[in-house]
Protein backbone atom coordinates (compact mmCIF):
# COMPACT_ATOMS: atom_id res chain seq x y z
CA MET A 1 0.00 0.00 0.00
CA ASN A 2 1.22 3.51 -0.82
CA PHE A 3 2.38 5.51 2.20
CA PHE A 4 -0.18 8.23 1.61
CA ASP A 5 -3.19 5.98 0.94
CA ASP A 6 -4.19 5.88 4.59
CA PHE A 7 -4.60 9.65 4.60
CA ILE A 8 -6.81 10.20 1.55
CA GLU A 9 -10.25 10.47 3.07
CA ASP A 10 -13.48 12.01 1.92
CA ASN A 11 -13.62 14.70 4.54
CA ASP A 12 -12.78 18.39 4.92
CA VAL A 13 -9.44 17.79 6.61
CA PRO A 14 -6.74 19.13 4.26
CA PHE A 15 -3.91 16.83 3.22
CA ASN A 16 -0.98 17.04 5.64
CA SER A 17 -2.99 18.91 8.23
CA SER A 18 -1.55 19.01 11.74
CA GLU A 19 -3.99 16.34 12.83
CA GLU A 20 -2.99 14.13 9.94
CA ILE A 21 0.73 14.54 10.59
CA GLU A 22 0.36 13.85 14.29
CA ASN A 23 -1.68 10.72 13.57
CA LYS A 24 1.05 9.45 11.26
CA ILE A 25 3.74 10.16 13.87
CA LYS A 26 1.66 8.42 16.51
CA ALA A 27 1.27 5.39 14.25
CA ALA A 28 5.02 5.23 13.63
CA LYS A 29 5.72 5.37 17.36
CA GLU A 30 3.27 2.53 17.97
CA ILE A 31 5.07 0.45 15.35
CA ILE A 32 8.34 1.05 17.19
CA GLU A 33 6.82 0.26 20.58
CA ASN A 34 5.47 -3.00 19.17
CA GLY A 35 8.90 -3.96 17.89
CA ASP A 36 7.78 -4.04 14.26
CA ILE A 37 10.43 -1.73 12.78
CA PHE A 38 11.89 -4.33 10.42
CA PHE A 39 8.65 -4.80 8.48
CA ASN A 40 7.79 -1.08 8.46
CA ILE A 41 11.12 0.61 7.72
CA GLU A 42 9.84 2.38 4.62
CA SER A 43 6.78 3.71 6.42
CA ILE A 44 8.87 5.08 9.30
CA GLU A 45 11.35 6.63 6.85
CA ASP A 46 8.47 8.36 5.10
CA THR A 47 7.24 9.67 8.44
CA VAL A 48 10.72 11.02 9.21
CA GLN A 49 10.68 12.77 5.83
CA LEU A 50 7.26 14.20 6.70
CA CYS A 51 8.70 15.52 9.97
CA LEU A 52 11.53 17.15 8.00
CA ASP A 53 9.09 18.78 5.60
CA THR A 54 6.77 20.08 8.31
CA ASP A 55 9.23 20.99 11.10
CA TYR A 56 8.14 18.35 13.60
CA VAL A 57 11.73 18.35 14.80
CA ASP A 58 11.55 16.58 18.15
CA ASP A 59 9.36 13.81 16.77
CA GLY A 60 11.71 13.49 13.81
CA LEU A 61 14.71 13.16 16.13
CA PHE A 62 12.96 10.48 18.15
CA LEU A 63 11.99 8.42 15.10
CA THR A 64 15.41 8.81 13.45
CA GLY A 65 17.11 7.79 16.69
CA LYS A 66 15.04 4.58 16.72
CA LEU A 67 15.97 3.90 13.11
CA LEU A 68 19.64 4.33 14.03
CA ASP A 69 19.24 1.88 16.91
CA PHE A 70 18.09 -0.56 14.28
CA ALA A 71 20.59 0.41 11.55
CA PRO A 72 23.51 2.39 13.08
CA TYR A 73 25.55 2.38 9.85
CA ASN A 74 22.92 3.97 7.65
CA SER A 75 24.41 7.21 6.33
CA GLU A 76 21.02 8.65 5.37
CA TYR A 77 19.71 8.31 8.91
CA TRP A 78 22.75 10.19 10.28
CA GLN A 79 22.09 12.88 7.71
CA PHE A 80 18.48 13.14 8.93
CA MET A 81 19.72 13.49 12.50
CA GLY A 82 22.06 16.27 11.44
CA ILE A 83 19.30 18.15 9.63
CA PHE A 84 17.03 17.95 12.68
CA TYR A 85 19.81 19.22 14.95
CA ASN A 86 20.45 22.06 12.51
CA SER A 87 16.75 22.94 12.83
CA LYS A 88 17.12 23.01 16.63
CA LEU A 89 20.18 25.28 16.24
CA GLU A 90 22.32 22.60 17.88
CA PHE A 91 24.98 22.91 15.23
CA GLU A 92 27.82 21.09 17.01
CA LEU A 93 25.65 17.97 17.32
CA ALA A 94 24.49 18.41 13.74
CA ASN A 95 28.06 18.59 12.48
CA SER A 96 28.97 15.42 14.35
CA CYS A 97 26.05 13.60 12.71
CA PHE A 98 27.06 14.77 9.24
CA GLU A 99 30.62 13.60 9.85
CA LYS A 100 29.31 10.13 10.75
CA SER A 101 27.16 10.12 7.64
CA LEU A 102 30.11 11.12 5.45
CA SER A 103 32.34 8.48 7.02
CA MET A 104 29.98 5.97 5.40
CA ASN A 105 29.19 7.89 2.23
CA PRO A 106 31.92 10.50 1.72
CA ASN A 107 30.73 11.73 -1.67
CA ASP A 108 27.13 12.54 -0.82
CA VAL A 109 26.67 16.13 -1.96
CA GLU A 110 23.47 16.72 0.00
CA THR A 111 25.21 15.75 3.23
CA LEU A 112 28.15 17.99 2.39
CA LEU A 113 25.75 20.88 1.79
CA ASN A 114 24.07 20.33 5.15
CA LYS A 115 27.42 19.95 6.89
CA SER A 116 28.53 23.32 5.52
CA VAL A 117 25.42 24.88 7.09
CA SER A 118 26.35 23.60 10.55
CA GLU A 119 29.97 24.68 10.11
CA ASP A 120 28.89 28.12 8.96
CA ASN A 121 26.71 28.53 12.05
CA ILE A 122 29.53 27.65 14.44
CA ASN A 123 31.77 30.15 12.64
CA GLN A 124 33.95 27.49 11.06
CA PHE A 125 33.99 29.42 7.81
CA ASP A 126 37.16 27.89 6.40
CA GLU A 127 35.85 24.40 7.09
CA ALA A 128 32.49 25.26 5.51
CA ILE A 129 34.25 26.52 2.38
CA GLN A 130 36.38 23.35 2.21
CA THR A 131 33.25 21.22 2.56
CA LEU A 132 31.50 23.07 -0.25
CA GLU A 133 34.59 22.99 -2.45
CA LYS A 134 34.61 19.22 -2.04
CA ALA A 135 30.95 19.12 -3.03
CA ARG A 136 31.77 21.28 -6.06
CA SER A 137 34.55 18.91 -7.11
CA ILE A 138 32.00 16.07 -7.06
CA GLU A 139 29.23 18.04 -8.80
CA PRO A 140 30.70 21.07 -10.59
CA GLY A 141 27.30 21.93 -12.02
CA ASN A 142 25.43 22.03 -8.73
CA GLU A 143 24.03 25.57 -8.45
CA GLU A 144 23.06 25.09 -4.79
CA VAL A 145 26.69 24.45 -3.88
CA LEU A 146 27.74 27.62 -5.69
CA PHE A 147 24.94 29.57 -4.04
CA ASN A 148 25.99 28.40 -0.56
CA LEU A 149 29.59 29.34 -1.27
CA GLY A 150 28.32 32.79 -2.18
CA LEU A 151 26.38 33.03 1.09
CA ILE A 152 29.45 32.21 3.17
CA TYR A 153 31.61 34.79 1.42
CA GLU A 154 28.78 37.30 1.75
CA LYS A 155 28.62 36.66 5.49
CA GLN A 156 32.36 37.34 5.64
CA GLU A 157 31.71 40.63 3.79
CA ASN A 158 33.74 39.46 0.81
CA TYR A 159 31.02 40.74 -1.48
CA SER A 160 32.94 40.64 -4.75
CA LYS A 161 33.79 36.97 -4.34
CA ALA A 162 30.26 36.19 -3.18
CA ALA A 163 28.87 37.89 -6.29
CA LYS A 164 31.15 35.72 -8.46
CA PHE A 165 29.59 32.53 -7.05
CA PHE A 166 26.04 33.85 -7.34
CA LEU A 167 26.73 34.67 -10.99
CA GLU A 168 28.10 31.15 -11.56
CA ALA A 169 24.94 29.69 -10.05
CA LEU A 170 22.83 31.89 -12.30
CA GLU A 171 24.78 30.78 -15.37
CA LEU A 172 23.59 27.28 -14.55
CA ASP A 173 20.05 28.33 -13.65
CA GLY A 174 18.90 31.79 -14.63
CA SER A 175 15.66 31.28 -12.71
CA TYR A 176 17.45 30.84 -9.39
CA SER A 177 15.60 33.75 -7.81
CA GLU A 178 17.41 33.64 -4.44
CA ALA A 179 20.73 34.08 -6.25
CA TRP A 180 19.41 37.21 -7.97
CA TYR A 181 18.32 38.57 -4.59
CA GLU A 182 21.69 37.98 -2.91
CA LEU A 183 23.50 39.31 -5.96
CA GLY A 184 21.53 42.55 -5.59
CA TYR A 185 22.62 42.80 -1.97
CA CYS A 186 26.30 42.19 -2.83
CA TYR A 187 26.32 44.75 -5.63
CA GLU A 188 24.85 47.33 -3.26
CA ALA A 189 27.54 46.56 -0.68
CA ILE A 190 30.31 47.22 -3.22
CA GLU A 191 28.43 50.30 -4.48
CA GLU A 192 27.71 48.97 -7.96
CA PHE A 193 24.25 50.43 -7.65
CA GLN A 194 23.00 50.04 -11.21
CA LYS A 195 23.93 46.35 -11.22
CA SER A 196 22.19 46.00 -7.86
CA ILE A 197 18.99 47.48 -9.30
CA GLU A 198 19.18 45.14 -12.28
CA ALA A 199 19.63 42.10 -10.02
CA TYR A 200 16.66 43.06 -7.84
CA ASP A 201 14.59 43.63 -10.98
CA LYS A 202 15.42 40.09 -12.12
CA PHE A 203 14.38 38.72 -8.73
CA LEU A 204 11.14 40.70 -8.93
CA GLU A 205 10.35 39.05 -12.25
CA PHE A 206 10.00 35.83 -10.26
CA GLU A 207 8.64 37.34 -7.03
CA PRO A 208 6.83 40.56 -8.07
CA TYR A 209 5.10 40.95 -4.71
CA SER A 210 8.19 40.64 -2.53
CA SER A 211 7.96 43.64 -0.23
CA THR A 212 11.52 43.01 0.99
CA ALA A 213 13.05 43.00 -2.50
CA LEU A 214 11.13 46.17 -3.36
CA TYR A 215 12.40 47.72 -0.13
CA ASN A 216 16.01 46.78 -0.90
CA LYS A 217 15.72 48.19 -4.40
CA ALA A 218 14.35 51.45 -3.03
CA ILE A 219 17.22 51.69 -0.53
CA VAL A 220 19.66 51.46 -3.45
CA LEU A 221 17.74 54.21 -5.25
CA ILE A 222 18.05 56.42 -2.17
CA ARG A 223 21.81 55.82 -2.15
CA MET A 224 21.84 56.84 -5.82
CA GLY A 225 19.99 60.05 -4.94
CA LYS A 226 16.92 58.99 -6.96
CA PHE A 227 14.43 59.94 -4.27
CA GLU A 228 11.33 60.15 -6.47
CA GLN A 229 11.84 56.62 -7.80
CA ALA A 230 12.68 55.40 -4.30
CA ALA A 231 9.48 56.89 -2.88
CA ASN A 232 7.42 55.17 -5.58
CA ILE A 233 8.98 51.78 -4.77
CA PHE A 234 8.58 52.24 -1.01
CA GLU A 235 4.92 53.09 -1.60
CA LEU A 236 4.49 49.81 -3.46
CA SER A 237 6.32 47.92 -0.69
CA VAL A 238 3.99 49.23 2.04
CA ALA A 239 0.97 48.63 -0.18
CA ILE A 240 1.94 44.95 -0.25
CA ARG A 241 2.90 44.82 3.43
CA GLU A 242 1.17 47.53 5.37
CA ASP A 243 2.99 46.80 8.64
CA PHE A 244 6.49 47.14 7.15
CA SER A 245 7.86 49.76 9.56
CA SER A 246 11.30 50.08 7.92
CA ALA A 247 9.69 50.77 4.55
CA TRP A 248 7.45 53.46 6.07
CA TYR A 249 10.48 54.98 7.78
CA ASN A 250 12.55 55.13 4.60
CA LEU A 251 9.56 56.34 2.62
CA GLY A 252 9.59 59.27 5.03
CA VAL A 253 13.31 59.78 4.37
CA ALA A 254 12.66 59.83 0.61
CA TYR A 255 9.81 62.32 1.03
CA ALA A 256 12.00 64.54 3.22
CA ASN A 257 14.67 64.63 0.52
CA LEU A 258 11.98 65.66 -1.95
CA ASN A 259 10.96 68.44 0.46
CA ARG A 260 7.55 66.79 0.85
CA ILE A 261 7.74 67.39 4.56
CA PRO A 262 4.08 66.81 5.62
CA GLU A 263 4.14 63.46 3.80
CA ALA A 264 7.51 62.65 5.36
CA ILE A 265 6.16 63.31 8.84
CA SER A 266 3.08 61.19 8.14
CA ALA A 267 5.17 58.24 6.90
CA ILE A 268 7.66 58.37 9.77
CA LYS A 269 4.79 58.68 12.27
CA LYS A 270 3.32 55.52 10.75
CA ALA A 271 6.67 53.79 11.29
CA SER A 272 6.73 54.98 14.91
CA ARG A 273 3.27 53.53 15.53
CA LEU A 274 4.32 50.19 14.06
CA ASP A 275 7.63 50.13 15.93
CA PRO A 276 7.41 52.53 18.87
CA GLU A 277 10.57 51.12 20.48
CA ASP A 278 12.87 52.06 17.59
CA GLU A 279 14.80 55.11 18.75
CA ALA A 280 16.15 55.83 15.24
CA ILE A 281 12.62 56.42 13.98
CA TRP A 282 11.96 59.00 16.70
CA PHE A 283 15.30 60.67 16.00
CA THR A 284 14.52 61.01 12.29
CA LEU A 285 11.04 62.31 13.09
CA GLY A 286 12.70 64.92 15.29
CA GLN A 287 14.98 65.95 12.42
CA THR A 288 11.98 66.27 10.13
CA TYR A 289 10.13 68.52 12.58
CA GLU A 290 13.31 70.55 12.92
CA ASP A 291 13.33 71.04 9.13
CA ILE A 292 10.01 72.91 9.38
CA ASP A 293 11.13 74.81 12.50
CA ASN A 294 8.70 73.00 14.78
CA ILE A 295 11.32 72.97 17.50
CA GLN A 296 9.05 71.91 20.34
CA LYS A 297 7.91 68.80 18.45
CA ALA A 298 11.51 68.06 17.51
CA ILE A 299 12.52 68.22 21.18
CA GLU A 300 9.70 65.82 22.09
CA CYS A 301 10.89 63.32 19.48
CA TYR A 302 14.55 63.58 20.50
CA SER A 303 13.49 63.11 24.12
CA ARG A 304 11.58 59.97 23.16
CA ALA A 305 14.67 58.63 21.38
CA ILE A 306 16.79 59.34 24.48
CA LYS A 307 14.24 57.64 26.71
CA LEU A 308 14.59 54.52 24.57
CA ASP A 309 18.38 54.76 24.42
CA ASP A 310 20.02 56.91 27.08
CA GLU A 311 23.34 56.68 25.22
CA TYR A 312 22.03 58.11 21.94
CA TYR A 313 24.76 60.65 21.26
CA GLU A 314 23.17 62.22 18.16
CA ALA A 315 19.84 62.71 19.95
CA TYR A 316 21.48 64.60 22.83
CA LEU A 317 23.38 66.79 20.39
CA SER A 318 20.33 67.56 18.26
CA ARG A 319 18.13 68.25 21.27
CA GLY A 320 20.85 70.54 22.61
CA TYR A 321 20.78 72.57 19.39
CA CYS A 322 16.99 72.84 19.69
CA PHE A 323 17.18 74.02 23.31
CA ASP A 324 19.76 76.59 22.19
CA VAL A 325 17.38 77.89 19.48
CA ILE A 326 14.53 78.48 21.93
CA GLY A 327 16.78 80.08 24.53
CA LYS A 328 16.91 77.23 27.06
CA TYR A 329 20.66 77.53 27.29
CA GLN A 330 21.30 75.54 30.47
CA LEU A 331 19.33 72.59 29.09
CA ALA A 332 21.29 72.89 25.86
CA LEU A 333 24.56 72.92 27.77
CA LYS A 334 23.47 69.87 29.74
CA ASP A 335 22.74 67.98 26.51
CA PHE A 336 26.06 68.96 24.94
CA ASN A 337 27.83 67.73 28.07
CA SER A 338 25.89 64.46 27.84
CA ALA A 339 26.96 64.07 24.22
CA ILE A 340 30.58 64.69 25.21
CA ARG A 341 30.31 62.17 28.05
CA LEU A 342 29.22 59.55 25.52
CA THR A 343 31.74 60.47 22.83
CA GLU A 344 34.67 62.44 24.20
CA ASN A 345 36.28 62.70 20.78
CA SER A 346 33.34 64.46 19.14
CA ILE A 347 34.55 67.75 17.70
CA GLU A 348 30.97 68.74 16.90
CA ALA A 349 29.82 68.35 20.51
CA TRP A 350 32.82 70.22 21.92
CA ARG A 351 32.30 73.02 19.40
CA ALA A 352 28.59 73.32 20.23
CA LYS A 353 29.51 73.51 23.91
CA ALA A 354 32.27 76.06 23.30
CA GLU A 355 30.07 78.35 21.22
CA LEU A 356 27.23 78.20 23.74
CA GLU A 357 29.61 78.94 26.61
CA TYR A 358 30.95 81.89 24.63
CA SER A 359 27.46 83.26 23.99
CA LEU A 360 26.64 82.88 27.70
CA GLY A 361 29.73 84.92 28.56
CA GLU A 362 31.50 81.95 30.12
CA LEU A 363 34.69 82.79 28.26
CA ASN A 364 37.18 80.79 30.33
CA GLU A 365 35.01 77.68 30.00
CA SER A 366 34.68 78.37 26.29
CA ILE A 367 38.46 78.57 25.94
CA GLU A 368 38.85 75.19 27.64
CA SER A 369 36.33 73.68 25.23
CA TYR A 370 38.07 75.18 22.20
CA ARG A 371 41.37 73.75 23.44
CA LYS A 372 39.74 70.32 23.74
CA ILE A 373 38.84 70.58 20.07
CA LEU A 374 42.39 71.53 19.16
CA ALA A 375 43.74 68.56 21.08
CA LEU A 376 41.67 66.42 18.71
CA ASP A 377 42.20 68.54 15.60
CA PRO A 378 45.31 70.74 15.97
CA ASP A 379 45.04 72.12 12.43
CA ASN A 380 41.51 73.49 12.75
CA PHE A 381 41.88 77.08 11.50
CA GLU A 382 38.39 78.24 12.52
CA VAL A 383 38.85 77.08 16.10
CA TRP A 384 42.27 78.70 16.41
CA PHE A 385 40.76 81.95 15.13
CA LYS A 386 37.83 81.78 17.56
CA LEU A 387 40.23 80.93 20.38
CA ALA A 388 42.39 83.95 19.51
CA GLU A 389 39.36 86.26 19.63
CA THR A 390 38.27 84.82 22.96
CA TYR A 391 41.72 85.25 24.48
CA ILE A 392 41.67 88.91 23.40
CA GLU A 393 38.27 89.38 25.04
CA ILE A 394 39.59 88.24 28.42
CA GLY A 395 42.75 90.30 28.00
CA ASN A 396 45.13 87.41 27.47
CA TRP A 397 47.12 89.15 24.73
CA LEU A 398 50.05 86.75 24.51
CA ASP A 399 47.95 83.61 24.07
CA GLY A 400 45.88 85.58 21.60
CA VAL A 401 48.98 86.36 19.54
CA GLU A 402 50.08 82.73 19.65
CA SER A 403 46.66 81.64 18.45
CA TYR A 404 46.84 84.07 15.54
CA ASN A 405 50.30 82.71 14.75
CA GLN A 406 48.73 79.27 14.45
CA CYS A 407 46.10 80.73 12.11
CA ILE A 408 48.84 82.23 9.92
CA ARG A 409 50.71 78.92 9.94
CA LEU A 410 47.62 77.15 8.67
CA GLN A 411 46.44 79.82 6.23
CA PRO A 412 49.29 82.23 5.39
CA GLU A 413 47.06 84.01 2.86
CA ASN A 414 44.31 84.78 5.37
CA ALA A 415 44.11 88.56 5.78
CA ASN A 416 41.93 88.43 8.92
CA ALA A 417 44.59 86.51 10.84
CA TYR A 418 47.18 89.22 10.17
CA TYR A 419 44.62 91.91 10.98
CA GLY A 420 43.74 90.27 14.29
CA LYS A 421 47.38 89.92 15.22
CA ALA A 422 47.99 93.58 14.28
CA LYS A 423 45.27 94.73 16.65
CA VAL A 424 46.82 92.77 19.52
CA LYS A 425 50.23 94.26 18.75
CA PHE A 426 48.70 97.75 18.98
CA LEU A 427 47.26 96.81 22.38
CA LEU A 428 50.73 95.67 23.44
CA SER A 429 52.16 99.00 22.16
CA GLN A 430 54.26 97.06 19.67
CA THR A 431 53.35 99.58 17.00
CA ARG A 432 55.91 98.81 14.31
CA GLU A 433 55.11 95.11 14.39
CA ALA A 434 51.41 96.00 14.30
CA ILE A 435 51.97 98.10 11.18
CA GLU A 436 53.86 95.26 9.47
CA HIS A 437 50.92 92.92 10.10
CA LEU A 438 48.50 95.59 8.88
CA LYS A 439 50.54 95.88 5.69
CA SER A 440 50.20 92.13 5.19
CA ALA A 441 46.47 92.27 5.85
CA PHE A 442 45.93 95.21 3.49
CA ALA A 443 47.98 93.54 0.76
CA LEU A 444 45.91 90.37 1.03
CA ASP A 445 42.55 92.14 1.31
CA PRO A 446 42.38 95.92 0.63
CA ASN A 447 38.85 96.06 2.06
CA ILE A 448 40.31 95.57 5.52
CA LYS A 449 41.51 99.21 5.38
CA ASP A 450 37.88 100.33 5.63
CA ASP A 451 37.29 98.03 8.60
CA PHE A 452 40.42 99.38 10.29
CA ILE A 453 39.37 103.03 9.87
CA LYS A 454 35.88 102.26 11.22
CA GLU A 455 37.33 100.57 14.29
CA TYR A 456 40.06 103.18 14.82
CA PRO A 457 38.77 106.53 13.39
CA GLU A 458 41.53 108.48 15.14
CA VAL A 459 44.13 106.66 13.08
CA LYS A 460 43.57 108.97 10.11
CA SER A 461 45.68 111.62 11.81
CA SER A 462 48.42 109.20 12.76
CA LYS A 463 51.75 109.80 11.06
CA LEU A 464 52.47 106.07 11.19
CA TYR A 465 49.27 105.31 9.39
CA VAL A 466 49.97 107.96 6.77
CA LYS A 467 53.39 106.41 6.32
CA LEU A 468 51.74 103.01 5.94
CA ILE A 469 49.49 104.38 3.22
CA GLU A 470 52.42 105.94 1.45
CA GLU A 471 54.31 102.66 1.46
CA LYS A 472 51.43 100.63 0.10
């Protein structure tokens, strides 16, 4: 009697329903309990295969174990055991089973394929590659072997080599849709964006309603700066899968880049409702509100992101800028300090702190912050210039001069650096040196003469100044 004959009944129970499968498993166990394995081997094997096909893993392990008690040198049974252990994520046990199977049938390609899966999952990448290379030597035209080799190299972020194997698999079978999908991913990773789009388009010929493939394609379009096309694809993705939060989120990003801000906010809000625990969504929503100068809403979103992740550096920094805009300077300073605490080497955070301290009149604190920046970036002209000005404001002429010297070192053609240094030299009564620096400033930018006369109107009557004019 055919294995399936017992299950074809004139009732409404669908073939291979859970009830049907469980009845078959129960029958197989009864056969084993009755000691009738020998006369029912084929039936039990078919039940094991049914367990494999329907993910009845524990029952499959039990039945396969009983078959191995009966026939311990059957390579196929050891392969079954390995597959079940792979399904249970017990990859070490799975690998051991595959090794036993191969000790009896060393050239079985299916076992080699399954063994490579267990090796891959226990991070034995070199061993997995060796296993697949052996399978390829046995069956050079096996596209699944090539595909699995591609997957391992892809996992190792060797995307070019992975793409090579996916292409080889596709040469053997152009309808291998999964290979097109992975090829699209690899091409994106190595920034061959047009090839990535083409690969995803080929996959979509086979799976036109794959929301994930549409999403991936749209991400590539965003990276190419094709925001209108990306938005159209994201719209299709969420039409197919309405609860796809990442697609809603990136649809919002595409809209924002198209300056369709109300639509961007609506899309990102939808993402936040679907995935309210994703701090990146709230952060991006905050940025979008900031784009339309809705600072209070932006602050609320940044605060939500920080509540979800109290080490979210960018959220602290952005919220600090918002507090600064609305005049809540102490809150802004607190956020900049939090950002610095999380990332001490952030020039942006130190600069935001320094500039706020300066505007609050906390000049000594501002100087310390500027010096922190220069410890990280000693050739930052703008910071040296701001530091020089701040030193002058507190009356620290010598450090001011040294800071201007650094500015001149970095940008010897910058007229403002010479002009600033000249003004300090006047304050130090080092008039001749001041005039030399003024000469340099005037030579580099004649418009500075007007600035100088406005700042020092009495200079018009100065003989030294007249002399300077004469020597221009």
